[in-house]
Each structure stands twice: as C-alpha cells, then as structure tokens.
Protein backbone atom coordinates (compact mmCIF):
# COMPACT_ATOMS: atom_id res chain seq x y z
CA MET A 1 6.90 -15.36 11.09
CA ARG A 2 9.64 -12.83 10.38
CA TYR A 3 7.23 -10.38 8.79
CA PHE A 4 4.81 -10.87 11.70
CA GLN A 5 7.52 -9.94 14.22
CA LEU A 6 8.46 -6.87 12.20
CA LEU A 7 4.80 -5.88 11.96
CA LEU A 8 4.34 -6.34 15.70
CA GLY A 9 7.24 -3.96 16.33
CA LYS A 10 5.76 -1.36 13.98
CA VAL A 11 2.33 -1.65 15.60
CA GLU A 12 3.90 -1.10 19.02
CA GLU A 13 5.57 2.07 17.70
CA SER A 14 2.24 3.23 16.25
CA LEU A 15 0.48 2.58 19.54
CA GLY A 16 3.01 4.81 21.29
CA ALA A 17 2.34 7.58 18.75
CA VAL A 18 -1.48 7.37 18.79
CA LEU A 19 -2.09 6.85 22.52
CA PRO A 20 -1.08 10.38 23.64
CA ILE A 21 -3.46 12.20 21.28
CA THR A 22 -6.22 9.70 22.13
CA ALA A 23 -5.73 10.38 25.86
CA ILE A 24 -5.79 14.14 25.30
CA VAL A 25 -9.06 13.98 23.35
CA LEU A 26 -10.60 11.80 26.08
CA ILE A 27 -9.59 14.33 28.75
CA ILE A 28 -10.89 17.27 26.71
CA SER A 29 -14.16 15.44 26.07
CA VAL A 30 -14.93 15.09 29.79
CA THR A 31 -13.86 18.65 30.69
CA VAL A 32 -14.05 21.69 28.40
CA ALA A 33 -15.53 20.14 25.22
CA PRO A 34 -17.98 17.29 25.88
CA LEU A 35 -18.41 14.94 22.93
CA THR A 36 -21.56 13.01 22.16
CA PRO A 37 -21.27 9.24 22.67
CA GLU A 38 -21.51 8.58 18.93
CA THR A 39 -18.69 11.04 18.14
CA MET A 40 -16.48 9.50 20.82
CA LEU A 41 -17.28 6.02 19.53
CA LEU A 42 -16.21 6.99 16.02
CA PHE A 43 -13.03 8.54 17.40
CA LEU A 44 -12.07 5.39 19.32
CA PHE A 45 -12.77 3.17 16.31
CA GLY A 46 -10.68 5.55 14.21
CA ALA A 47 -7.80 5.43 16.71
CA LEU A 48 -7.82 1.63 16.52
CA LEU A 49 -7.59 1.75 12.72
CA LEU A 50 -4.78 4.30 13.00
CA VAL A 51 -2.66 2.03 15.16
CA PHE A 52 -2.83 -0.97 12.83
CA GLY A 53 -2.86 1.14 9.66
CA MET A 54 0.29 3.03 10.63
CA GLY A 55 2.02 -0.22 11.56
CA LEU A 56 1.27 -1.85 8.21
CA PHE A 57 2.09 1.32 6.28
CA SER A 58 5.43 1.82 8.04
CA LEU A 59 6.51 -1.78 7.40
CA GLY A 60 5.32 -1.61 3.78
CA VAL A 61 7.23 1.59 3.09
CA ASP A 62 10.45 0.05 4.41
CA MET A 63 9.98 -2.96 2.14
CA SER A 64 8.77 -1.25 -1.04
CA MET A 65 8.70 2.53 -1.45
CA ILE A 66 12.18 3.20 -0.09
CA PRO A 67 13.98 0.52 -2.15
CA MET A 68 12.02 1.54 -5.26
CA GLY A 69 12.81 5.24 -4.94
CA ASP A 70 16.42 4.64 -3.96
CA GLY A 71 17.04 2.29 -6.88
CA MET A 72 15.46 4.64 -9.39
CA GLY A 73 17.48 7.55 -8.01
CA VAL A 74 20.77 5.68 -8.37
CA GLU A 75 20.08 4.64 -11.98
CA ILE A 76 18.84 8.10 -12.95
CA GLY A 77 21.96 9.64 -11.45
CA LYS A 78 24.20 7.36 -13.54
CA ALA A 79 22.69 8.51 -16.83
CA ARG A 80 25.22 10.24 -19.08
CA ARG A 81 22.69 12.32 -20.98
CA ILE A 82 21.27 15.10 -18.83
CA GLY A 83 17.92 15.20 -20.61
CA ILE A 84 16.87 11.66 -19.64
CA PRO A 85 17.09 12.05 -15.82
CA LEU A 86 15.43 15.46 -16.01
CA LEU A 87 12.55 14.09 -18.09
CA VAL A 88 12.13 11.15 -15.69
CA CYS A 89 12.10 13.51 -12.69
CA PHE A 90 9.42 15.66 -14.34
CA LEU A 91 7.22 12.65 -15.15
CA VAL A 92 7.65 11.25 -11.62
CA GLY A 93 6.60 14.59 -10.11
CA VAL A 94 3.51 14.90 -12.29
CA ILE A 95 2.36 11.29 -11.92
CA ILE A 96 2.67 11.01 -8.15
CA THR A 97 1.01 14.41 -7.60
CA VAL A 98 -2.01 13.74 -9.80
CA ALA A 99 -2.60 10.61 -7.74
CA GLU A 100 -2.26 12.24 -4.30
CA PRO A 101 -5.59 11.72 -2.41
CA ASP A 102 -5.41 14.97 -0.39
CA LEU A 103 -5.07 16.98 -3.60
CA GLN A 104 -8.48 15.77 -4.76
CA VAL A 105 -10.04 16.94 -1.48
CA LEU A 106 -8.45 20.39 -1.48
CA ALA A 107 -9.49 20.97 -5.10
CA GLU A 108 -12.99 21.60 -3.75
CA GLN A 109 -11.71 24.76 -2.01
CA LEU A 110 -11.79 26.66 -5.29
CA PRO A 111 -14.91 25.25 -6.98
CA THR A 112 -15.06 27.88 -9.72
CA VAL A 113 -11.67 26.68 -10.98
CA PRO A 114 -12.20 23.34 -12.78
CA ASN A 115 -10.65 20.49 -10.82
CA PHE A 116 -8.77 19.30 -13.89
CA VAL A 117 -7.15 22.72 -14.40
CA LEU A 118 -6.22 23.03 -10.73
CA ILE A 119 -4.80 19.53 -10.38
CA ALA A 120 -2.94 19.77 -13.68
CA ALA A 121 -1.37 23.11 -12.70
CA VAL A 122 -0.29 21.81 -9.30
CA SER A 123 1.09 18.56 -10.76
CA VAL A 124 3.12 20.36 -13.42
CA GLY A 125 4.42 22.65 -10.66
CA VAL A 126 5.66 19.67 -8.63
CA GLY A 127 7.21 18.04 -11.72
CA PHE A 128 8.97 21.26 -12.69
CA PHE A 129 10.45 21.75 -9.23
CA LEU A 130 11.58 18.14 -9.01
CA VAL A 131 13.60 18.96 -12.13
CA ILE A 132 14.90 22.11 -10.42
CA ALA A 133 15.93 19.96 -7.44
CA GLN A 134 17.85 17.59 -9.74
CA ILE A 135 19.61 20.50 -11.49
CA ARG A 136 20.54 21.98 -8.12
CA MET A 137 22.14 18.69 -7.07
CA MET A 138 23.99 18.33 -10.39
CA LEU A 139 25.40 21.87 -10.23
CA ASN A 140 25.99 21.68 -6.45
CA ILE A 141 24.01 24.88 -5.84
CA PRO A 142 23.42 25.52 -2.10
CA LEU A 143 19.84 24.79 -1.10
CA SER A 144 19.60 28.05 0.88
CA PHE A 145 20.22 30.16 -2.25
CA THR A 146 17.66 28.17 -4.24
CA LEU A 147 15.00 28.53 -1.54
CA LEU A 148 15.68 32.24 -1.08
CA PHE A 149 15.27 32.88 -4.79
CA PHE A 150 11.96 31.07 -5.20
CA TYR A 151 10.37 32.22 -1.93
CA ALA A 152 11.23 35.80 -2.89
CA ILE A 153 9.19 35.23 -6.06
CA ILE A 154 6.33 33.75 -3.99
CA PHE A 155 6.05 36.69 -1.63
CA LEU A 156 6.40 39.17 -4.48
CA LEU A 157 3.50 37.46 -6.28
CA SER A 158 1.39 37.50 -3.09
CA PHE A 159 0.82 41.25 -3.57
CA PHE A 160 -1.00 40.54 -6.85
CA VAL A 161 -3.00 37.48 -5.81
CA PRO A 162 -6.62 37.66 -4.48
CA ASP A 163 -6.77 37.19 -0.70
CA HIS A 164 -8.67 33.89 -0.77
CA PHE A 165 -6.04 32.30 -3.03
CA ILE A 166 -3.13 32.87 -0.62
CA PRO A 167 -4.11 30.41 2.18
CA ALA A 168 -5.18 27.89 -0.48
CA ALA A 169 -1.82 28.23 -2.27
CA PHE A 170 0.21 27.52 0.87
CA ASP A 171 -2.16 24.69 1.83
CA TYR A 172 -1.52 23.03 -1.52
CA GLY A 173 2.22 23.31 -0.89
CA GLY A 174 1.77 21.17 2.19
CA VAL A 175 -0.75 18.52 1.17
CA THR A 176 0.70 17.59 -2.22
CA THR A 177 3.58 15.94 -0.36
CA GLY A 178 1.42 13.27 1.29
CA PRO A 179 2.06 9.83 2.77
CA VAL A 180 2.36 8.11 -0.61
CA THR A 181 4.68 10.62 -2.28
CA VAL A 182 6.99 11.56 0.62
CA PRO A 183 8.72 8.16 1.13
CA PHE A 184 9.17 7.73 -2.61
CA ILE A 185 10.58 11.23 -3.26
CA MET A 186 12.83 11.09 -0.20
CA ALA A 187 14.25 7.74 -1.29
CA LEU A 188 14.68 9.11 -4.81
CA GLY A 189 16.76 11.95 -3.34
CA VAL A 190 18.89 9.50 -1.36
CA GLY A 191 19.52 7.49 -4.52
CA LEU A 192 20.40 10.55 -6.59
CA ALA A 193 22.89 11.71 -3.96
CA ALA A 194 24.33 8.22 -3.32
CA ILE A 195 26.43 8.13 -6.50
CA ARG A 196 28.30 11.26 -5.38
CA SER A 197 31.20 11.05 -2.95
CA ASP A 198 31.70 14.74 -2.13
CA LYS A 199 31.12 16.25 1.30
CA ASN A 200 27.66 17.59 0.37
CA SER A 201 26.17 14.29 -0.80
CA SER A 202 24.51 13.54 2.56
CA SER A 203 22.95 16.98 2.91
CA ASP A 204 21.76 16.89 -0.70
CA SER A 205 19.75 13.76 0.13
CA PHE A 206 17.27 16.22 1.62
CA GLY A 207 15.61 19.18 -0.06
CA LEU A 208 13.55 17.47 -2.76
CA ILE A 209 10.35 17.71 -0.69
CA ALA A 210 11.21 21.33 0.12
CA LEU A 211 11.45 22.33 -3.53
CA CYS A 212 8.48 20.20 -4.60
CA SER A 213 6.35 22.11 -2.07
CA ILE A 214 7.14 25.39 -3.84
CA GLY A 215 5.61 24.27 -7.15
CA PRO A 216 1.97 24.06 -5.95
CA ILE A 217 2.24 27.43 -4.17
CA LEU A 218 3.40 29.20 -7.32
CA SER A 219 0.91 27.31 -9.52
CA VAL A 220 -2.14 28.31 -7.43
CA MET A 221 -0.90 31.90 -7.13
CA LEU A 222 -0.54 32.13 -10.91
CA LEU A 223 -4.07 30.76 -11.30
CA GLY A 224 -5.23 33.50 -8.94
CA ILE A 225 -3.53 36.15 -11.08
CA PHE A 226 -4.78 34.84 -14.43
CA LEU A 227 -8.24 33.86 -13.11
CA PRO A 228 -8.97 36.80 -10.79
CA ASP A 229 -12.74 36.30 -10.96
CA ALA A 230 -12.52 32.72 -9.64
CA GLY A 231 -14.15 32.61 -6.25
CA ALA A 232 -13.93 30.22 -3.35
CA ALA A 233 -16.70 28.58 -1.40
CA TYR A 234 -17.08 26.53 1.70
CA THR A 235 -19.89 24.15 2.57
CA SER A 236 -20.41 22.96 6.12
CA VAL A 237 -19.85 19.26 6.70
CA THR A 238 -22.70 17.19 8.12
CA LEU A 239 -21.34 15.02 10.90
CA PRO A 240 -22.43 11.35 11.06
CA ARG A 241 -24.61 10.27 14.02
CA PRO A 242 -24.48 6.48 14.49
CA GLU A 243 -26.91 5.28 17.15
CA THR A 244 -25.21 1.98 18.05
CA THR A 245 -21.76 0.41 17.92
CA LYS A 246 -22.97 -1.67 14.99
CA ASP A 247 -23.97 1.50 13.13
CA ALA A 248 -20.52 2.99 13.80
CA ALA A 249 -18.75 -0.13 12.50
CA GLN A 250 -20.96 -0.16 9.40
CA LEU A 251 -20.10 3.49 8.77
CA PHE A 252 -16.41 2.61 8.59
CA PHE A 253 -17.06 -0.41 6.38
CA ARG A 254 -19.15 1.70 4.00
CA GLU A 255 -16.32 4.21 3.59
CA ILE A 256 -13.53 1.67 3.09
CA PRO A 257 -14.23 1.09 -0.66
CA ALA A 258 -13.97 4.83 -1.38
CA TYR A 259 -10.60 5.16 0.35
CA ALA A 260 -9.44 1.88 -1.16
CA ALA A 261 -10.10 3.35 -4.60
CA GLU A 262 -8.31 6.61 -3.70
CA VAL A 263 -5.22 4.81 -2.46
CA ALA A 264 -5.22 2.53 -5.51
CA VAL A 265 -5.25 5.59 -7.78
CA ALA A 266 -2.33 6.99 -5.75
CA VAL A 267 -0.20 3.83 -5.68
CA LEU A 268 -0.79 2.29 -9.12
CA PRO A 269 0.96 5.05 -11.15
CA ILE A 270 4.07 4.66 -8.97
CA VAL A 271 3.92 0.87 -9.44
CA GLY A 272 3.56 1.31 -13.20
CA LEU A 273 6.51 3.68 -13.31
CA PHE A 274 8.61 1.25 -11.28
CA LEU A 275 7.73 -1.70 -13.54
CA LEU A 276 8.78 0.33 -16.58
CA PHE A 277 12.02 1.21 -14.80
CA GLN A 278 12.65 -2.46 -13.92
CA LEU A 279 12.08 -3.58 -17.51
CA ILE A 280 14.65 -1.06 -18.73
CA PHE A 281 17.36 -1.32 -16.08
CA ARG A 282 16.81 -4.80 -14.55
CA ARG A 283 18.14 -3.48 -11.24
CA PHE A 284 16.25 -5.76 -8.83
CA HIS A 285 16.51 -9.55 -8.55
CA ARG A 286 13.51 -11.86 -8.26
CA HIS A 287 13.60 -12.19 -4.47
CA GLN A 288 13.89 -8.41 -4.14
CA LEU A 289 10.88 -7.93 -6.40
CA GLY A 290 8.92 -10.40 -4.25
CA ARG A 291 9.76 -8.42 -1.11
CA ILE A 292 8.75 -5.16 -2.82
CA ALA A 293 5.44 -6.71 -3.93
CA ILE A 294 4.65 -7.82 -0.36
CA GLY A 295 5.64 -4.37 0.88
CA LEU A 296 3.30 -2.68 -1.59
CA ILE A 297 0.42 -4.81 -0.31
CA TYR A 298 1.23 -3.80 3.27
CA THR A 299 1.52 -0.15 2.22
CA TYR A 300 -1.81 -0.26 0.42
CA ILE A 301 -3.78 -1.96 3.20
CA GLY A 302 -2.16 0.18 5.89
CA LEU A 303 -2.88 3.46 4.12
CA VAL A 304 -6.52 2.47 3.45
CA MET A 305 -6.97 1.70 7.16
CA PHE A 306 -5.21 4.90 8.19
CA LEU A 307 -7.19 7.22 5.88
CA THR A 308 -10.51 5.57 6.80
CA GLY A 309 -9.70 5.98 10.48
CA VAL A 310 -8.72 9.64 10.35
CA ASN A 311 -11.46 10.73 7.95
CA VAL A 312 -14.37 8.88 9.53
CA GLY A 313 -13.21 8.85 13.16
CA PHE A 314 -11.04 11.90 13.76
CA MET A 315 -12.71 14.55 11.60
CA PRO A 316 -16.02 14.68 13.57
CA ALA A 317 -14.14 14.81 16.88
CA GLY A 318 -11.93 17.68 15.71
CA GLN A 319 -14.82 19.78 14.44
CA THR A 320 -16.96 19.11 17.53
CA ILE A 321 -14.15 20.07 19.91
CA GLY A 322 -13.48 23.30 18.01
CA THR A 323 -17.17 24.21 18.03
CA ALA A 324 -17.63 23.42 21.72
CA ILE A 325 -14.65 25.45 22.95
CA ALA A 326 -15.40 28.44 20.68
CA SER A 327 -18.98 28.62 21.96
CA SER A 328 -17.99 28.71 25.65
CA GLY A 329 -17.86 32.51 26.05
CA ASN A 330 -14.58 33.65 27.59
CA GLY A 331 -13.50 30.03 27.54
CA LYS A 332 -12.92 30.43 23.80
CA TRP A 333 -9.38 31.58 24.59
CA LEU A 334 -8.68 28.03 25.70
CA LEU A 335 -8.48 27.28 21.97
CA ILE A 336 -4.88 28.53 22.03
CA PRO A 337 -3.38 26.28 24.75
CA ILE A 338 -5.57 23.30 23.83
CA GLY A 339 -4.70 23.68 20.16
CA ALA A 340 -0.99 23.86 21.02
CA LEU A 341 -1.25 20.73 23.19
CA VAL A 342 -3.05 18.79 20.47
CA GLY A 343 -0.52 19.97 17.88
CA TYR A 344 2.41 18.86 20.02
CA PHE A 345 1.25 15.24 20.13
CA ILE A 346 -0.66 14.82 16.88
CA VAL A 347 2.36 15.23 14.62
CA ARG A 348 3.77 11.98 16.05
CA ALA A 349 0.87 10.15 14.38
CA GLU A 350 1.73 11.42 10.87
CA PRO A 351 2.96 8.35 8.96
CA ALA A 352 5.34 10.31 6.71
CA VAL A 353 6.96 11.98 9.73
CA ARG A 354 8.10 8.58 10.96
CA VAL A 355 9.66 7.88 7.56
CA LEU A 356 11.47 11.23 7.56
CA ALA A 357 12.82 10.88 11.11
CA ARG A 358 14.12 7.37 10.41
CA GLN A 359 15.84 8.39 7.17
CA VAL A 360 17.42 11.42 8.86
CA GLU A 361 18.92 9.21 11.57
CA GLU A 362 20.21 6.67 9.02
CA ILE A 363 21.74 9.19 6.61
CA SER A 364 23.37 11.21 9.42
CA ASN A 365 24.77 7.98 10.94
CA GLY A 366 22.88 8.64 14.17
CA MET A 367 24.22 12.18 14.65
CA ILE A 368 20.67 13.53 14.23
CA SER A 369 18.38 11.24 16.19
CA GLN A 370 14.73 10.46 15.52
CA ARG A 371 13.97 11.74 19.01
CA SER A 372 15.44 15.18 18.32
CA ILE A 373 13.58 15.47 15.01
CA ASN A 374 10.28 14.43 16.62
CA PHE A 375 10.76 16.89 19.50
CA SER A 376 11.57 19.78 17.14
CA LEU A 377 8.54 18.97 14.98
CA SER A 378 6.27 18.73 18.03
CA ILE A 379 7.39 22.16 19.25
CA GLY A 380 6.87 23.60 15.78
CA ILE A 381 3.39 22.17 15.25
CA ALA A 382 2.33 23.19 18.77
CA ALA A 383 3.31 26.77 17.92
CA ALA A 384 1.57 26.54 14.53
CA VAL A 385 -1.76 25.38 15.94
CA GLY A 386 -1.63 27.83 18.86
CA LEU A 387 -0.97 30.75 16.50
CA SER A 388 -3.68 29.51 14.13
CA MET A 389 -6.21 29.55 16.97
CA LEU A 390 -5.07 33.11 17.78
CA ARG A 391 -5.70 34.06 14.15
CA ILE A 392 -9.20 32.61 14.31
CA LEU A 393 -9.95 34.52 17.52
CA THR A 394 -8.58 37.85 16.26
CA GLY A 395 -8.94 37.69 12.46
CA ILE A 396 -5.24 38.42 11.82
CA SER A 397 -4.16 37.68 8.26
CA ALA A 398 -1.98 34.61 7.75
CA LEU A 399 0.59 36.74 5.92
CA TRP A 400 1.49 38.50 9.19
CA PHE A 401 2.87 35.14 10.34
CA LEU A 402 3.95 33.54 7.06
CA VAL A 403 6.08 36.41 5.74
CA PRO A 404 8.24 36.93 8.86
CA GLY A 405 8.29 33.18 9.51
CA TYR A 406 9.64 32.28 6.08
CA ALA A 407 11.98 35.29 6.14
CA ALA A 408 13.47 34.10 9.45
CA ALA A 409 13.73 30.52 8.15
CA LEU A 410 15.53 31.65 4.99
CA LEU A 411 17.88 33.83 7.04
CA LEU A 412 18.69 30.92 9.35
CA SER A 413 19.54 28.76 6.33
CA PHE A 414 22.75 30.78 5.86
CA PHE A 415 23.95 30.09 9.41
CA VAL A 416 23.18 26.40 9.95
CA PRO A 417 24.69 23.28 8.33
CA GLN A 418 23.05 22.65 4.97
CA ILE A 419 21.71 19.27 6.06
CA PHE A 420 19.51 20.97 8.69
CA THR A 421 18.09 23.34 6.08
CA GLY A 422 17.14 20.42 3.84
CA ILE A 423 15.61 18.49 6.73
CA ALA A 424 13.72 21.55 8.00
CA PHE A 425 12.12 22.48 4.68
CA ASP A 426 11.34 18.82 3.95
CA SER A 427 9.69 18.56 7.37
CA GLY A 428 7.34 21.42 6.53
CA GLY A 429 5.81 19.39 3.70
CA VAL A 430 5.84 16.15 5.67
CA ALA A 431 4.16 17.53 8.82
CA SER A 432 1.16 18.90 6.92
CA GLY A 433 -0.27 15.46 6.12
CA PRO A 434 -3.55 13.59 6.72
CA MET A 435 -3.65 14.28 10.47
CA ALA A 436 -3.43 18.02 9.79
CA THR A 437 -6.18 17.97 7.17
CA THR A 438 -8.56 15.60 8.99
CA PHE A 439 -8.22 16.70 12.63
CA LEU A 440 -6.48 20.08 12.92
CA LEU A 441 -8.30 21.63 9.96
CA PRO A 442 -11.78 20.51 11.19
CA LEU A 443 -10.82 21.78 14.66
CA ALA A 444 -10.08 25.19 13.15
CA MET A 445 -13.16 25.10 10.91
CA GLY A 446 -15.48 24.29 13.80
CA ALA A 447 -14.07 27.13 15.90
CA CYS A 448 -14.09 29.59 12.99
CA GLU A 449 -17.68 28.87 12.01
CA THR A 450 -18.88 29.25 15.60
CA LEU A 451 -17.08 32.58 16.00
CA GLY A 452 -18.45 33.88 12.70
CA GLY A 453 -15.08 34.13 10.97
CA ASN A 454 -14.12 33.54 7.35
CA VAL A 455 -13.37 29.83 7.09
CA LEU A 456 -11.51 30.14 3.78
CA THR A 457 -9.04 32.82 4.92
CA ASP A 458 -8.78 32.00 8.65
CA ALA A 459 -9.32 28.27 9.18
CA PHE A 460 -7.68 26.97 6.00
CA GLY A 461 -4.46 28.83 6.83
CA ILE A 462 -3.73 26.30 9.59
CA VAL A 463 -2.16 23.88 7.09
CA ALA A 464 0.12 26.66 5.85
CA MET A 465 1.16 27.42 9.44
CA VAL A 466 1.85 23.74 10.12
CA ALA A 467 4.08 23.65 7.03
CA MET A 468 5.99 26.79 8.10
CA THR A 469 6.94 26.39 11.77
CA PRO A 470 9.15 23.24 11.42
CA LEU A 471 11.42 25.32 9.18
CA LEU A 472 12.26 27.41 12.22
CA THR A 473 12.40 24.83 15.01
CA ILE A 474 14.60 22.31 13.20
CA GLN A 475 17.01 24.97 11.95
CA VAL A 476 17.18 26.47 15.45
CA MET A 477 18.09 22.97 16.67
CA GLY A 478 20.86 22.87 14.08
CA LEU A 479 22.06 26.36 15.07
CA ILE A 480 22.18 25.43 18.77
CA GLY A 481 24.17 22.30 17.92
CA LYS A 482 26.60 24.33 15.80
CA LEU A 483 27.11 26.92 18.56
CA ARG A 484 27.67 24.20 21.16
CA ARG A 485 30.30 22.52 19.00
CA SER A 486 32.04 25.85 18.44
CA ALA A 487 32.03 26.59 22.18
CA ALA A 488 33.38 23.12 22.94
CA GLU A 489 36.21 23.60 20.45
CA ARG A 490 37.13 26.94 22.04
CA ARG A 491 37.14 25.43 25.55
CA LYS A 492 39.19 22.38 24.60
CA PRO A 493 42.78 22.93 25.82
CA ALA A 494 45.77 22.22 23.66
CA ARG A 495 47.62 18.96 24.10
CA TYR A 496 50.63 19.58 26.31
CA GLU A 497 53.81 17.54 26.53
CA PHE A 498 55.78 17.35 29.78
CA LEU A 499 59.21 15.85 30.40
CA LEU A 500 59.35 14.71 34.01
CA ASP A 501 62.60 14.23 35.94
CA GLY A 502 62.68 11.80 38.83
CA ALA A 503 62.58 8.18 39.60
CA GLU A 504 60.48 7.50 36.47
CA ASN A 505 61.79 9.75 33.76
CA GLY A 506 59.66 9.71 30.65
CA ILE A 507 57.15 11.55 28.57
CA ILE A 508 53.64 11.98 29.82
CA TYR A 509 50.92 13.30 27.49
CA TRP A 510 48.10 15.16 29.15
CA ASP A 511 44.84 16.02 27.51
CA ALA A 512 42.18 17.54 29.74
CA GLY A 513 39.67 17.06 26.93
C-alpha cells in the first residue's frame, strides 16, 4: 500500500509534466500542422505510456539508483589508496556508457566508423573524465578552471575536425548521459563529496555529469582527425501507418521486447557492479537490499514504458509537424516560435531532469528550488530549439552559436557561486535526453529535409544546442541571485543602539532590517 501511494504521487507529477506538451501538440495539429489520425493516435498512446513510465522510473530511481550510487561514492571516497577509487571510477564510466541505449542509436550517424570503435572510444572518454572529476574533487580544483581548460582544447581541435563530425561530437556529449546513467553518476558524486566537511563539499556534489560530457566530444573529434575519410550518412525514417486503434496498440506491443532488451543491457552492468561492491564492502543490510531490488524493477519497467512511448508515439508526431510547417511557404518561419514553445514545455518530461532538480533542492537545503531549476531549463531549451530552427531556415553553422555560447558560459563560471556552475553544466547533459532525441530531433529532421538542408550538419546540431543553453540560463540565475544578495547587504542599515531618557529609561535596539 505504501509503495502504491508513492507511485500514485509520482504518476500525478508525471501527468503534470506530460499534459502541457500533449496539449500543445493537439493545438498545433488542428491549426498550422495537421496530423493524420494514425499519427495522432500513436502520439496519444505514447503520452499515456510516458505518464506511467515516468512515474515508475522516478519512484524506482529514488529507491535504487540513488542509494546505490551514493553508497558506492562514500566507500570509494574512504579508500586510502588513490589508485583503487580512480580505477573504480574509470570502470564505472566505461560500463555505464557502453550500455547507454541512446549511444547505440547515435552510432548510426557515422556508419563508416565501426560501431564497436565508436562506442569504445566514447566509453573510454567518459571513464577517463570520470577519473578527472574524482581527481579534481580530491585536489579541490575549481570546476570553472577545469572546464575552461578542456573546452579550450575542444574548440582548438574543432579547426582540424571535418565539418560533419562536429555536430555529431557535441550530440554524443549530450546523449551519453542518459536516464540510466545520470541518477547513478549524480548519486556517486554526492557520495564522493559526502565524506568531506569543507565549504566546497556541497558544490562538488555537482560537476561529474559536466566533465563526463566532455569525454565523448573529444573522443569523436579525435576519431574525425585520425579517420578523416570516414563519412556520414542519413537515411529517411519510414513512419508507421496503423489503420485502427488495435493496429496502433499492436505496434507498441511489438516494439516493447526490443526496448526491454535495450534497457536490460543498460541496467544489468550497473547491477553487476553494485553486487560486486556489496560483496566487498557489505554496506547495505538485507532490508535495504530488498528495497533496492524492488526499486530496480520499477526503474526497469518504467524506462521500458517511457522509451517505447517516446520512440513509437512521439517520433512520428515530431517529424510530421516539422515537415508540415516547413512546407507551408512563408509559414515556415513559424518553426522558430513553435519550436521555442515546444522546447519550453518538453524539457519537463525528461525523466533525468526531475532527478537533477530534486537532488539540487535537497543538497542546497531548499535554497535552490526545483521550480527555479525547471524554469531556467525551460527558458534555455526554448532558446535552443528556437535558434536551431533558425539554423535550419538559414543554414548557419552550429559553431556560430556553440563557440560564443560556451565562451559566455565559461566566463560566467568565474562570477557565480561554484555550485551554480556545477548544476548548469550537469543540466546540459541531463536536458539532452530521450525527449530531445525522439521528438525535437525528428522535428528538426522533418523540417530540414523538407527545406532541402543538410540533415547531418543542420538538424543533428539541435541536441548540441539543447546541451549548451542551460549552461547560460542557470548560471545567469545564479548571478542574479548573487547580485541581489550583494545589493541587500549594501542596503541593510547598521544596528543602532539608543539610550532613551524619560519615564522608561532603558536600552532599545533598533534594526530596520
């Protein structure tokens, strides 16, 4: 009964996140971009799966992934020999990345590079930068300096990388931190920082996702330099056309085994790693292990439902809407405001975003609320999708946005509290999850194909844009908060002491603040 009540609460939260984007698509479908009945039917079925899938996933993560990652982080941090925690961090990074479902999908972007080579390079990149993140925490190196150093290398390398590798590289930086890996890595960071008692321990809880996102970018860029003849290809997706509601339901049921297998491949390595950890450290008691096991089942079922819903239901709707608006003559410029509106609401339906916002509020003791994080992310993703639609309409290179965007974000990192920098760069990896790759990317692809653009350089850059803009909006939020606190301190009058003579002689303390 207790679990049922918790699940009901999570489903209600999911309903609140999914309803706005569902309403927007319904309005668009009866105005500027009519959808066929079968496409709308798939979308509605997908939305239903999203609501229940997100609810189960969110509850499961709270019960399993977060305790597992936190416990492993604490024990790793206690190790006296430096080599052991670094080796564990590297193995964790490699294992969870190889298993990430979105990585398998994006590997098809560069078909002339063997999937094994691409996935191995990206996984090693994540593992290496998880080690870098651990070293940074051990040596208490400011996150802003670390990010500045590695992003300088990235943009220096971009001058030597073939054009079609650049959007793919930044896309990989976003999707490798997916719904399975984000809760685990974030909890690992909390655990690693928990054993410290200095003033930076809370801010150092964030930043692992930020650094792990750098590894895939550098890995793919290096592949582009050493394999310059490797090309990229894009094949149009054939949209399903179910004739009846029964056909639509059967389509979802047919796809469930495939996504069930993908999620199993993603979750089982983490489970195996945790069991090995438990055998060595014996950290968790029997009742805790039972709760974690139930949570893993919820996580698994919820993620299968979620991925089936977005891939089967949302992808056709996104591509159809993009195609319809782009083919409407002068109405194609509506792609910008409509894309921004969709981006504003769709980020709320990312399962990992909910995990991030909740952990931010808990670690900051409520000083940084979930509402403020969600609002900042919504503004950022709205800007990202709007600018991506502008790129598709005009053919502007993604680098004209990415270079100044990252430069501004890195500059801001020296003026805002470190915790906001960690949250902002973590949010970039978290926001570019399944909803971005299964609705926003098809939306961009449909528009780009219709307008005759280059899908690989124009449409695929939308994931990179989605990963970049939260870096700015969340740090701007932190800067505004810092300036307001400074102004309040300047306005606060000093405490004055008055000695009053009269009928009631005494000391009265006055504080206008």
